[in-house]
C-alpha atoms as a PDB file:
ATOM      1  CA  MET A   1       0.000   0.000   0.000  1.00  0.00           C
ATOM      2  CA  VAL A   2       1.307   3.427  -0.910  1.00  0.00           C
ATOM      3  CA  PHE A   3      -0.124   6.575   0.663  1.00  0.00           C
ATOM      4  CA  ASN A   4       0.597   9.824  -1.089  1.00  0.00           C
ATOM      5  CA  ASP A   5      -1.029  12.785   0.683  1.00  0.00           C
ATOM      6  CA  VAL A   6      -1.148  14.752  -2.573  1.00  0.00           C
ATOM      7  CA  ASP A   7      -2.496  12.259  -5.092  1.00  0.00           C
ATOM      8  CA  GLY A   8      -4.253   9.639  -2.996  1.00  0.00           C
ATOM      9  CA  LEU A   9      -3.935   6.059  -1.904  1.00  0.00           C
ATOM     10  CA  TYR A  10      -2.722   3.265  -4.197  1.00  0.00           C
ATOM     11  CA  THR A  11      -2.871  -0.441  -3.500  1.00  0.00           C
ATOM     12  CA  TYR A  12      -1.965  -3.521  -5.446  1.00  0.00           C
ATOM     13  CA  THR A  13      -1.542  -7.172  -4.657  1.00  0.00           C
ATOM     14  CA  PHE A  14       0.775  -9.827  -5.917  1.00  0.00           C
ATOM     15  CA  GLU A  15       1.186 -13.482  -5.218  1.00  0.00           C
ATOM     16  CA  ALA A  16       4.438 -14.261  -3.458  1.00  0.00           C
ATOM     17  CA  GLU A  17       6.151 -17.184  -5.134  1.00  0.00           C
ATOM     18  CA  ARG A  18       7.930 -19.890  -3.220  1.00  0.00           C
ATOM     19  CA  LYS A  19      10.699 -22.062  -4.545  1.00  0.00           C
ATOM     20  CA  GLU A  20       9.861 -25.639  -3.509  1.00  0.00           C
ATOM     21  CA  ASN A  21      13.490 -26.641  -2.908  1.00  0.00           C
ATOM     22  CA  CYS A  22      14.560 -23.418  -1.177  1.00  0.00           C
ATOM     23  CA  SER A  23      17.347 -24.272   1.250  1.00  0.00           C
ATOM     24  CA  ALA A  24      16.271 -21.538   3.685  1.00  0.00           C
ATOM     25  CA  CYS A  25      12.580 -22.333   4.106  1.00  0.00           C
ATOM     26  CA  SER A  26      12.027 -25.852   2.768  1.00  0.00           C
ATOM     27  CA  GLN A  27      12.345 -29.010   4.828  1.00  0.00           C
ATOM     28  CA  ILE A  28      12.904 -31.167   1.740  1.00  0.00           C
ATOM     29  CA  PRO A  29      16.300 -32.863   2.172  1.00  0.00           C
ATOM     30  CA  GLN A  30      18.927 -31.990  -0.420  1.00  0.00           C
ATOM     31  CA  ASP A  31      21.098 -34.815  -1.707  1.00  0.00           C
ATOM     32  CA  LEU A  32      24.793 -34.982  -0.828  1.00  0.00           C
ATOM     33  CA  HIS A  33      26.794 -37.427  -2.955  1.00  0.00           C
ATOM     34  CA  PHE A  34      29.823 -38.940  -1.214  1.00  0.00           C
ATOM     35  CA  SER A  35      31.591 -42.256  -1.029  1.00  0.00           C
ATOM     36  CA  PRO A  36      31.168 -44.218   2.238  1.00  0.00           C
ATOM     37  CA  SER A  37      34.953 -43.919   2.589  1.00  0.00           C
ATOM     38  CA  SER A  38      34.829 -40.095   2.421  1.00  0.00           C
ATOM     39  CA  LYS A  39      35.924 -38.299   5.568  1.00  0.00           C
ATOM     40  CA  LEU A  40      33.560 -36.035   7.495  1.00  0.00           C
ATOM     41  CA  GLN A  41      36.042 -33.212   6.758  1.00  0.00           C
ATOM     42  CA  GLU A  42      35.203 -33.590   3.035  1.00  0.00           C
ATOM     43  CA  VAL A  43      31.499 -33.102   3.761  1.00  0.00           C
ATOM     44  CA  LEU A  44      32.294 -30.052   5.877  1.00  0.00           C
ATOM     45  CA  ASP A  45      34.517 -28.642   3.101  1.00  0.00           C
ATOM     46  CA  HIS A  46      31.724 -29.159   0.572  1.00  0.00           C
ATOM     47  CA  LEU A  47      29.211 -27.284   2.738  1.00  0.00           C
ATOM     48  CA  THR A  48      31.554 -24.309   3.169  1.00  0.00           C
ATOM     49  CA  GLU A  49      32.993 -24.192  -0.362  1.00  0.00           C
ATOM     50  CA  SER A  50      29.881 -24.953  -2.424  1.00  0.00           C
ATOM     51  CA  ALA A  51      28.744 -21.905  -4.398  1.00  0.00           C
ATOM     52  CA  SER A  52      25.093 -22.726  -3.734  1.00  0.00           C
ATOM     53  CA  LEU A  53      25.454 -23.289   0.034  1.00  0.00           C
ATOM     54  CA  GLN A  54      28.284 -20.977   1.210  1.00  0.00           C
ATOM     55  CA  MET A  55      28.034 -21.994   4.873  1.00  0.00           C
ATOM     56  CA  LYS A  56      30.421 -20.451   7.393  1.00  0.00           C
ATOM     57  CA  SER A  57      30.660 -22.870  10.333  1.00  0.00           C
ATOM     58  CA  PRO A  58      28.157 -25.701   9.880  1.00  0.00           C
ATOM     59  CA  ALA A  59      27.158 -27.895  12.804  1.00  0.00           C
ATOM     60  CA  LEU A  60      26.319 -31.446  11.721  1.00  0.00           C
ATOM     61  CA  THR A  61      24.052 -33.852  13.588  1.00  0.00           C
ATOM     62  CA  ALA A  62      22.445 -37.154  12.599  1.00  0.00           C
ATOM     63  CA  THR A  63      20.226 -39.784  14.133  1.00  0.00           C
ATOM     64  CA  VAL A  64      22.320 -42.939  14.507  1.00  0.00           C
ATOM     65  CA  GLU A  65      20.718 -46.063  15.998  1.00  0.00           C
ATOM     66  CA  GLY A  66      17.769 -44.019  17.239  1.00  0.00           C
ATOM     67  CA  LYS A  67      19.874 -41.431  19.051  1.00  0.00           C
ATOM     68  CA  SER A  68      20.800 -37.916  18.000  1.00  0.00           C
ATOM     69  CA  LYS A  69      24.545 -37.726  17.488  1.00  0.00           C
ATOM     70  CA  THR A  70      26.527 -34.508  17.136  1.00  0.00           C
ATOM     71  CA  LEU A  71      29.055 -35.206  14.398  1.00  0.00           C
ATOM     72  CA  TYR A  72      30.764 -31.819  14.513  1.00  0.00           C
ATOM     73  CA  LEU A  73      30.072 -28.477  16.181  1.00  0.00           C
ATOM     74  CA  GLN A  74      32.547 -25.652  15.767  1.00  0.00           C
ATOM     75  CA  SER A  75      30.898 -22.773  17.620  1.00  0.00           C
ATOM     76  CA  VAL A  76      31.221 -24.163  21.183  1.00  0.00           C
ATOM     77  CA  ALA A  77      34.885 -24.754  22.090  1.00  0.00           C
ATOM     78  CA  SER A  78      34.349 -27.692  24.467  1.00  0.00           C
ATOM     79  CA  ILE A  79      32.071 -29.528  22.002  1.00  0.00           C
ATOM     80  CA  GLU A  80      34.389 -28.729  19.088  1.00  0.00           C
ATOM     81  CA  GLN A  81      37.272 -30.299  20.972  1.00  0.00           C
ATOM     82  CA  ARG A  82      35.250 -33.483  21.608  1.00  0.00           C
ATOM     83  CA  THR A  83      33.902 -33.755  18.033  1.00  0.00           C
ATOM     84  CA  ARG A  84      37.141 -32.795  16.204  1.00  0.00           C
ATOM     85  CA  PRO A  85      38.307 -36.450  15.942  1.00  0.00           C
ATOM     86  CA  ASN A  86      35.176 -37.170  13.852  1.00  0.00           C
ATOM     87  CA  LEU A  87      36.569 -35.013  11.031  1.00  0.00           C
ATOM     88  CA  SER A  88      39.182 -37.660  10.206  1.00  0.00           C
ATOM     89  CA  LYS A  89      36.692 -40.562  10.349  1.00  0.00           C
ATOM     90  CA  THR A  90      34.922 -41.970   7.307  1.00  0.00           C
ATOM     91  CA  LEU A  91      31.165 -41.659   6.985  1.00  0.00           C
ATOM     92  CA  ARG A  92      30.853 -45.423   7.466  1.00  0.00           C
ATOM     93  CA  GLU A  93      33.003 -45.312  10.642  1.00  0.00           C
ATOM     94  CA  LEU A  94      30.611 -42.695  12.024  1.00  0.00           C
ATOM     95  CA  GLY A  95      27.715 -45.146  11.578  1.00  0.00           C
ATOM     96  CA  LEU A  96      26.165 -43.259   8.670  1.00  0.00           C
ATOM     97  CA  ALA A  97      24.366 -45.173   5.924  1.00  0.00           C
ATOM     98  CA  ASP A  98      23.117 -44.537   2.411  1.00  0.00           C
ATOM     99  CA  GLY A  99      19.964 -42.399   2.636  1.00  0.00           C
ATOM    100  CA  GLN A 100      20.905 -41.124   6.107  1.00  0.00           C
ATOM    101  CA  GLU A 101      19.635 -37.628   6.882  1.00  0.00           C
ATOM    102  CA  LEU A 102      22.035 -35.016   8.224  1.00  0.00           C
ATOM    103  CA  ALA A 103      20.743 -31.917  10.000  1.00  0.00           C
ATOM    104  CA  VAL A 104      23.021 -28.944   9.402  1.00  0.00           C
ATOM    105  CA  ALA A 105      22.709 -25.685  11.339  1.00  0.00           C
ATOM    106  CA  ASP A 106      24.624 -22.597  10.251  1.00  0.00           C
ATOM    107  CA  VAL A 107      24.489 -18.844  10.773  1.00  0.00           C
ATOM    108  CA  THR A 108      23.783 -18.371   7.049  1.00  0.00           C
ATOM    109  CA  THR A 109      20.369 -20.080   7.206  1.00  0.00           C
ATOM    110  CA  PRO A 110      17.412 -19.198   9.444  1.00  0.00           C
ATOM    111  CA  GLN A 111      16.625 -22.825  10.278  1.00  0.00           C
ATOM    112  CA  THR A 112      18.300 -26.213  10.222  1.00  0.00           C
ATOM    113  CA  THR A 113      18.857 -27.538   6.699  1.00  0.00           C
ATOM    114  CA  LEU A 114      18.314 -31.227   5.974  1.00  0.00           C
ATOM    115  CA  PHE A 115      20.568 -33.239   3.695  1.00  0.00           C
ATOM    116  CA  ARG A 116      20.318 -36.858   2.555  1.00  0.00           C
ATOM    117  CA  LEU A 117      23.540 -38.819   2.113  1.00  0.00           C
ATOM    118  CA  CYS A 118      23.683 -40.620  -1.212  1.00  0.00           C
ATOM    119  CA  PHE A 119      26.599 -43.025  -1.275  1.00  0.00           C
ATOM    120  CA  THR A 120      28.474 -43.338  -4.536  1.00  0.00           C
ATOM    121  CA  SER A 121      30.667 -46.258  -5.458  1.00  0.00           C
END
């Protein structure tokens, strides 16, 4: 709505469009293609270096055997120290499987982004 005290009041409407696979507001998991022998550090590097994602300090969690597991968290020093060894472990060593969902929180997105691991051979 635009109010102009000289000429009057003007209104118009438009339909806001939504991108179905928007990484900021969609909860549809995006696919991440990695080998089961890839290190967690490679996944982290992909999230920070990808032109479409451009994350700054992603925190990765997954549900492994029915429990939520923090794979890596950089922003809290004590947790970063405890999860740092995971960076050198393979995805399989971390108990992750093909189709596994990863929840990634980062300052660049308003909510947690979901990713689905797709193992390549």
